[in-house]
């Protein structure tokens, strides 16, 4: 498929390179936009691409007036995901639709603010997509190239780059880069996508009084919610009418019940193990919510499969190595046990933010 040459008003998280999700429209368009069921679909594609980042390959060429990127894979499933998501992004642009994902960087926001200066061409290749972004504005060209470097970091490191604390490319941006961004763009010193410094926050050495302040919140669930609140406050695209911290609190209670109160019996089987996870009342329901939904977060690159069914007392979870000859994974499954395997993957932080901001409402059936 091929998109007609067009001047775009918005560019998604990686429209200029991979098409990893349309992130945010300029503030003046926010009133007309809302999160809907499309958001969950976008997030699923993003997750699949990130956990399978080692199956992707990417070339970037900085042009005098922009950037050309080619993102491909030898895995037919990943080829479909790449093309699907670039197509979705093109549809968002054409329809003026914003899925309002809670992800952004200073470079991306700068690109969004200069979207009307960008000409976009996207074309499917045999194994992925080629995208060309150009502009007659030198500042916009610099933003496009910086953002392309950020996406390269995502392809190299996957979920670790997304959640490990700022895009390395953004942190390593040359001193001249901030000058090319619009004055209203967030600071380049950004430690998580969408998380920027608040007014008054500085990097001066702390005073004696400040260093004496406690740093522990006193309770882990409280600290988790406090962190989410800070992220929501720092994100100018937050739609407060969708925010639901009670849903997040319910999910954290589920995590607590499953981690500390569920009883687990493991039975080794060929390729891995079967876990009978049991409880009563609230614990039983928490087991079912977490065990049955967790399988959707597992990708082939994880090296194991997860299947779960409800039982009268909770759930039965079967976890097996993807490859029958992978003895290390089989031993790892049995050694880590049910809760240990539940912790694998880097989706939890994104999930918590998604529950709180409403983009993943009902994913664990708390309501």
Protein backbone atom coordinates (compact mmCIF):
# COMPACT_ATOMS: atom_id res chain seq x y z
CA UNK A 1 0.00 0.00 0.00
CA UNK A 2 1.16 3.58 -0.48
CA UNK A 3 0.09 6.84 1.11
CA UNK A 4 -0.24 9.83 -1.19
CA UNK A 5 2.25 12.61 -0.63
CA UNK A 6 0.79 14.90 2.01
CA UNK A 7 1.55 17.73 4.37
CA UNK A 8 0.86 16.32 7.82
CA UNK A 9 -0.45 18.24 10.79
CA UNK A 10 0.63 15.63 13.29
CA UNK A 11 3.33 13.01 13.47
CA UNK A 12 2.95 10.09 15.88
CA UNK A 13 5.43 8.64 18.35
CA UNK A 14 7.41 7.26 15.46
CA UNK A 15 5.53 8.21 12.33
CA UNK A 16 8.75 9.69 11.04
CA UNK A 17 10.44 6.33 11.42
CA UNK A 18 8.50 3.31 12.58
CA UNK A 19 4.93 4.42 13.23
CA UNK A 20 4.93 3.43 16.92
CA UNK A 21 1.77 5.19 17.91
CA UNK A 22 0.29 8.64 17.40
CA UNK A 23 1.01 10.38 20.66
CA UNK A 24 -0.47 13.82 21.05
CA UNK A 25 -1.94 16.69 19.10
CA UNK A 26 -1.10 20.29 19.86
CA UNK A 27 -3.02 21.63 22.82
CA UNK A 28 -5.47 23.59 20.68
CA UNK A 29 -6.80 20.30 19.23
CA UNK A 30 -7.03 18.47 22.53
CA UNK A 31 -10.59 19.48 23.28
CA UNK A 32 -11.90 17.49 20.33
CA UNK A 33 -9.87 14.39 21.06
CA UNK A 34 -10.43 11.52 23.46
CA UNK A 35 -9.14 8.10 24.27
CA UNK A 36 -11.25 5.24 22.99
CA UNK A 37 -10.99 1.54 22.17
CA UNK A 38 -8.46 2.35 19.46
CA UNK A 39 -5.93 3.21 22.17
CA UNK A 40 -5.80 -0.36 23.43
CA UNK A 41 -5.19 -1.61 19.90
CA UNK A 42 -2.38 0.89 19.39
CA UNK A 43 -0.78 -0.09 22.69
CA UNK A 44 -0.94 -3.78 21.79
CA UNK A 45 0.91 -3.15 18.53
CA UNK A 46 3.48 -0.95 20.27
CA UNK A 47 4.05 -3.66 22.88
CA UNK A 48 4.51 -6.36 20.24
CA UNK A 49 7.03 -4.26 18.35
CA UNK A 50 8.97 -3.36 21.48
CA UNK A 51 9.21 -6.86 22.97
CA UNK A 52 10.26 -8.14 19.56
CA UNK A 53 12.68 -5.29 18.88
CA UNK A 54 15.50 -7.77 18.30
CA UNK A 55 13.62 -8.98 15.22
CA UNK A 56 13.56 -5.50 13.73
CA UNK A 57 16.26 -3.84 11.65
CA UNK A 58 16.39 -0.22 10.81
CA UNK A 59 18.37 2.15 8.61
CA UNK A 60 18.30 5.91 8.93
CA UNK A 61 19.62 8.43 6.45
CA UNK A 62 19.69 12.09 7.45
CA UNK A 63 18.78 14.09 4.37
CA UNK A 64 19.65 17.77 3.86
CA UNK A 65 15.98 18.54 4.42
CA UNK A 66 14.80 15.71 6.64
CA UNK A 67 15.16 12.00 7.22
CA UNK A 68 14.54 8.70 5.45
CA UNK A 69 14.01 5.55 7.52
CA UNK A 70 13.43 1.93 6.59
CA UNK A 71 12.16 -0.45 9.27
CA UNK A 72 11.92 -4.13 8.32
CA UNK A 73 11.89 -7.65 9.71
CA UNK A 74 12.32 -11.20 8.44
CA UNK A 75 9.47 -12.26 10.73
CA UNK A 76 6.20 -12.09 8.76
CA UNK A 77 4.29 -11.28 11.95
CA UNK A 78 6.51 -8.29 12.65
CA UNK A 79 6.27 -7.14 9.03
CA UNK A 80 2.50 -7.09 9.42
CA UNK A 81 2.76 -5.21 12.71
CA UNK A 82 5.08 -2.58 11.24
CA UNK A 83 2.87 -1.99 8.23
CA UNK A 84 -0.30 -2.13 10.28
CA UNK A 85 0.87 0.52 12.66
CA UNK A 86 2.18 2.89 10.02
CA UNK A 87 -1.17 2.50 8.26
CA UNK A 88 -3.02 3.24 11.49
CA UNK A 89 -0.90 6.33 12.03
CA UNK A 90 -1.65 7.51 8.50
CA UNK A 91 -5.36 7.02 9.18
CA UNK A 92 -5.11 9.10 12.37
CA UNK A 93 -3.43 11.90 10.44
CA UNK A 94 -5.96 11.79 7.59
CA UNK A 95 -8.94 11.74 9.99
CA UNK A 96 -7.50 14.22 12.48
CA UNK A 97 -7.85 11.56 15.18
CA UNK A 98 -5.59 11.46 18.25
CA UNK A 99 -5.47 8.21 20.29
CA UNK A 100 -3.87 10.25 23.10
CA UNK A 101 -1.17 7.84 24.18
CA UNK A 102 0.70 8.88 27.35
CA UNK A 103 4.06 8.95 25.58
CA UNK A 104 6.10 11.85 24.37
CA UNK A 105 9.56 13.42 24.17
CA UNK A 106 10.65 17.03 23.63
CA UNK A 107 11.64 16.23 20.04
CA UNK A 108 8.28 14.61 19.32
CA UNK A 109 6.37 17.53 20.77
CA UNK A 110 8.51 19.88 18.72
CA UNK A 111 7.68 17.84 15.59
CA UNK A 112 3.98 17.99 16.48
CA UNK A 113 4.11 21.75 16.88
CA UNK A 114 5.78 22.02 13.47
CA UNK A 115 3.63 19.35 11.79
CA UNK A 116 2.27 21.73 9.14
CA UNK A 117 5.84 22.25 7.92
CA UNK A 118 6.40 18.53 7.28
CA UNK A 119 5.87 16.60 4.07
CA UNK A 120 5.43 12.86 4.61
CA UNK A 121 5.77 9.87 2.30
CA UNK A 122 5.20 6.32 3.53
CA UNK A 123 5.54 3.23 1.34
CA UNK A 124 5.32 -0.47 2.16
CA UNK A 125 8.37 -2.58 1.31
CA UNK A 126 8.48 -6.36 1.00
CA UNK A 127 9.50 -6.64 4.66
CA UNK A 128 8.33 -3.46 6.33
CA UNK A 129 7.93 0.24 5.67
CA UNK A 130 9.92 3.14 4.28
CA UNK A 131 9.03 6.59 5.57
CA UNK A 132 10.43 9.91 4.35
CA UNK A 133 9.87 13.14 6.31
CA UNK A 134 11.09 16.43 4.87
CA UNK A 135 10.70 20.12 5.64
CA UNK A 136 11.85 23.47 4.33
CA UNK A 137 12.35 24.69 7.92
CA UNK A 138 15.86 23.94 9.31
CA UNK A 139 14.61 23.79 12.92
CA UNK A 140 11.97 21.24 11.98
CA UNK A 141 14.56 19.19 10.09
CA UNK A 142 16.69 19.09 13.25
CA UNK A 143 13.69 17.89 15.29
CA UNK A 144 12.88 15.17 12.75
CA UNK A 145 16.45 13.88 12.84
CA UNK A 146 16.61 13.97 16.64
CA UNK A 147 13.32 12.08 16.90
CA UNK A 148 14.57 9.50 14.38
CA UNK A 149 17.56 8.92 16.68
CA UNK A 150 15.17 8.32 19.57
CA UNK A 151 13.31 5.68 17.60
CA UNK A 152 16.59 4.00 16.72
CA UNK A 153 17.19 3.69 20.47
CA UNK A 154 13.77 2.05 20.85
CA UNK A 155 14.54 -0.47 18.12
CA UNK A 156 17.90 -1.24 19.71
CA UNK A 157 16.70 -1.64 23.31
CA UNK A 158 12.94 -2.17 23.16
CA UNK A 159 10.92 -1.72 26.34
CA UNK A 160 14.08 -0.94 28.32
CA UNK A 161 14.55 2.23 26.25
CA UNK A 162 10.89 3.19 26.65
CA UNK A 163 10.85 2.87 30.42
CA UNK A 164 14.48 3.03 31.43
CA UNK A 165 14.45 6.77 31.88
CA UNK A 166 14.50 9.05 28.84
CA UNK A 167 15.53 8.27 25.34
CA UNK A 168 19.29 8.08 25.31
CA UNK A 169 19.32 10.02 22.07
CA UNK A 170 17.43 12.89 23.70
CA UNK A 171 19.81 12.91 26.66
CA UNK A 172 22.82 12.95 24.29
CA UNK A 173 21.39 15.69 22.07
CA UNK A 174 23.99 18.33 21.14
CA UNK A 175 23.91 21.65 22.93
CA UNK A 176 22.48 23.34 19.84
CA UNK A 177 19.49 20.99 19.68
CA UNK A 178 17.24 22.80 22.22
CA UNK A 179 17.56 26.01 20.23
CA UNK A 180 15.90 24.26 17.26
CA UNK A 181 12.87 23.31 19.29
CA UNK A 182 9.91 25.65 19.74
CA UNK A 183 10.08 27.76 22.88
CA UNK A 184 7.02 26.01 24.25
CA UNK A 185 8.53 22.52 23.92
CA UNK A 186 9.33 20.73 27.22
CA UNK A 187 12.87 20.66 28.51
CA UNK A 188 15.23 18.17 26.87
CA UNK A 189 16.20 17.02 30.36
CA UNK A 190 13.40 14.49 30.50
CA UNK A 191 13.67 11.34 32.55
CA UNK A 192 10.64 9.42 31.30
CA UNK A 193 8.52 9.87 28.17
CA UNK A 194 6.02 12.59 29.05
CA UNK A 195 7.77 13.41 32.36
CA UNK A 196 9.36 16.84 32.50
CA UNK A 197 10.79 19.02 35.21
CA UNK A 198 8.25 20.99 37.19
CA UNK A 199 8.67 24.74 37.67
CA UNK A 200 11.13 25.44 40.45
CA UNK A 201 12.94 22.11 40.11
CA UNK A 202 16.68 22.70 39.74
CA UNK A 203 19.91 20.75 39.72
CA UNK A 204 21.68 22.91 42.30
CA UNK A 205 23.29 21.00 45.19
CA UNK A 206 20.70 20.40 47.92
CA UNK A 207 20.78 22.52 51.02
CA UNK A 208 21.26 20.96 54.43
CA UNK A 209 17.53 21.32 55.09
CA UNK A 210 16.59 19.64 51.81
CA UNK A 211 19.00 16.76 52.32
CA UNK A 212 17.44 16.07 55.71
CA UNK A 213 13.99 15.48 54.24
CA UNK A 214 12.71 11.88 54.25
CA UNK A 215 12.60 10.19 50.84
CA UNK A 216 10.48 7.11 51.58
CA UNK A 217 6.71 7.32 51.06
CA UNK A 218 6.14 4.74 53.79
CA UNK A 219 3.93 2.37 51.81
CA UNK A 220 4.68 0.90 48.38
CA UNK A 221 1.19 1.25 46.88
CA UNK A 222 1.01 4.84 48.10
CA UNK A 223 4.43 5.54 46.55
CA UNK A 224 3.34 3.98 43.24
CA UNK A 225 0.20 6.12 43.11
CA UNK A 226 2.22 9.22 44.04
CA UNK A 227 4.61 8.55 41.15
CA UNK A 228 1.69 8.17 38.74
CA UNK A 229 0.18 11.43 39.98
CA UNK A 230 3.48 13.22 39.31
CA UNK A 231 3.53 11.80 35.77
CA UNK A 232 -0.06 12.86 35.13
CA UNK A 233 0.65 16.36 36.45
CA UNK A 234 3.77 16.63 34.29
CA UNK A 235 1.96 15.57 31.10
CA UNK A 236 0.11 18.53 29.53
CA UNK A 237 -1.99 16.11 27.46
CA UNK A 238 -3.56 14.44 30.51
CA UNK A 239 -7.34 14.28 30.19
CA UNK A 240 -8.43 14.58 33.81
CA UNK A 241 -11.99 13.52 32.97
CA UNK A 242 -10.57 10.05 32.16
CA UNK A 243 -8.22 9.70 35.14
CA UNK A 244 -9.22 6.90 37.53
CA UNK A 245 -6.83 6.37 40.43
CA UNK A 246 -9.35 4.12 42.17
CA UNK A 247 -8.94 1.63 39.32
CA UNK A 248 -5.17 1.72 39.85
CA UNK A 249 -5.61 1.27 43.60
CA UNK A 250 -7.80 -1.78 42.95
CA UNK A 251 -5.14 -3.26 40.67
CA UNK A 252 -2.39 -2.66 43.25
CA UNK A 253 -4.57 -4.41 45.82
CA UNK A 254 -4.85 -7.36 43.42
CA UNK A 255 -1.06 -7.44 43.10
CA UNK A 256 -0.72 -7.42 46.88
CA UNK A 257 -3.27 -10.21 47.35
CA UNK A 258 -1.75 -12.44 44.67
CA UNK A 259 1.85 -11.84 45.76
CA UNK A 260 1.36 -12.26 49.51
CA UNK A 261 -1.87 -14.18 50.11
CA UNK A 262 -2.37 -16.67 47.29
CA UNK A 263 -1.32 -20.29 47.80
CA UNK A 264 0.63 -21.83 44.93
CA UNK A 265 1.26 -25.48 44.17
CA UNK A 266 3.70 -26.25 41.36
CA UNK A 267 3.70 -29.45 39.32
CA UNK A 268 6.62 -29.94 36.90
CA UNK A 269 5.50 -30.95 33.41
CA UNK A 270 7.26 -31.47 30.10
CA UNK A 271 8.64 -28.10 29.03
CA UNK A 272 7.87 -26.22 32.22
CA UNK A 273 5.35 -26.34 35.05
CA UNK A 274 1.69 -26.10 36.00
CA UNK A 275 0.78 -23.77 38.86
CA UNK A 276 -2.43 -24.17 40.83
CA UNK A 277 -2.95 -20.74 42.37
CA UNK A 278 -5.60 -20.74 45.07
CA UNK A 279 -7.37 -18.40 47.45
CA UNK A 280 -10.76 -17.44 48.81
CA UNK A 281 -12.95 -14.38 48.48
CA UNK A 282 -11.11 -11.31 47.27
CA UNK A 283 -7.86 -13.21 46.82
CA UNK A 284 -9.51 -15.76 44.51
CA UNK A 285 -10.91 -13.00 42.30
CA UNK A 286 -7.54 -11.21 42.22
CA UNK A 287 -5.88 -14.46 41.11
CA UNK A 288 -8.30 -14.84 38.24
CA UNK A 289 -7.93 -11.26 37.07
CA UNK A 290 -4.16 -11.33 37.05
CA UNK A 291 -3.53 -14.89 35.90
CA UNK A 292 -6.04 -14.88 33.05
CA UNK A 293 -5.09 -11.46 31.68
CA UNK A 294 -1.32 -11.81 31.97
CA UNK A 295 -1.05 -14.13 28.99
CA UNK A 296 -1.93 -11.25 26.65
CA UNK A 297 1.34 -9.52 27.58
CA UNK A 298 3.51 -12.50 26.62
CA UNK A 299 5.23 -12.36 23.22
CA UNK A 300 7.21 -15.03 21.32
CA UNK A 301 10.43 -13.20 22.12
CA UNK A 302 9.88 -13.88 25.83
CA UNK A 303 10.79 -17.52 25.24
CA UNK A 304 7.82 -19.07 27.04
CA UNK A 305 4.06 -19.47 26.72
CA UNK A 306 1.43 -18.71 29.37
CA UNK A 307 -2.05 -20.22 29.44
CA UNK A 308 -4.53 -19.94 32.29
CA UNK A 309 -8.00 -21.23 33.12
CA UNK A 310 -10.30 -20.48 36.02
CA UNK A 311 -10.74 -23.03 38.81
CA UNK A 312 -13.20 -23.03 41.72
CA UNK A 313 -10.45 -21.68 43.97
CA UNK A 314 -8.55 -19.40 41.58
CA UNK A 315 -6.69 -20.35 38.43
CA UNK A 316 -4.48 -23.01 36.88
CA UNK A 317 -1.56 -21.56 34.94
CA UNK A 318 0.58 -23.59 32.55
CA UNK A 319 3.93 -22.09 31.59
CA UNK A 320 6.19 -23.82 29.08
CA UNK A 321 9.39 -22.93 27.25
CA UNK A 322 8.66 -22.01 23.64
CA UNK A 323 11.40 -24.35 22.43
CA UNK A 324 11.32 -27.94 23.59
CA UNK A 325 15.14 -28.05 23.68
CA UNK A 326 15.45 -24.92 25.86
CA UNK A 327 16.39 -26.63 29.12
CA UNK A 328 17.55 -23.39 30.68
CA UNK A 329 14.13 -21.79 30.27
CA UNK A 330 12.41 -24.88 31.59
CA UNK A 331 14.56 -24.79 34.72
CA UNK A 332 14.04 -21.06 35.02
CA UNK A 333 10.25 -21.46 34.95
CA UNK A 334 10.36 -23.94 37.81
CA UNK A 335 12.87 -21.90 39.79
CA UNK A 336 11.03 -18.59 39.49
CA UNK A 337 7.63 -20.05 40.19
CA UNK A 338 4.29 -18.40 39.51
CA UNK A 339 4.98 -14.97 41.00
CA UNK A 340 8.51 -14.82 39.64
CA UNK A 341 7.25 -15.50 36.12
CA UNK A 342 4.49 -12.95 36.64
CA UNK A 343 7.11 -10.25 37.18
CA UNK A 344 8.85 -10.86 33.85
CA UNK A 345 8.46 -8.28 31.14
CA UNK A 346 8.45 -4.51 31.34
CA UNK A 347 4.75 -3.92 30.83
CA UNK A 348 3.76 -3.27 34.45
CA UNK A 349 4.74 0.40 34.59
CA UNK A 350 2.97 1.20 31.32
CA UNK A 351 -0.04 -0.76 32.53
CA UNK A 352 -0.23 1.20 35.78
CA UNK A 353 -0.12 4.53 33.95
CA UNK A 354 -2.68 3.26 31.43
CA UNK A 355 -5.10 2.20 34.18
CA UNK A 356 -4.73 5.57 35.92
CA UNK A 357 -5.12 7.76 32.83
CA UNK A 358 -8.04 5.76 31.45
CA UNK A 359 -6.38 4.45 28.29
CA UNK A 360 -6.51 0.85 29.59
CA UNK A 361 -9.75 1.08 31.51
CA UNK A 362 -11.25 -2.30 32.37
CA UNK A 363 -8.25 -4.33 31.23
CA UNK A 364 -8.36 -6.25 34.49
CA UNK A 365 -12.12 -5.93 34.92
CA UNK A 366 -11.91 -3.89 38.08
CA UNK A 367 -15.17 -2.17 37.21
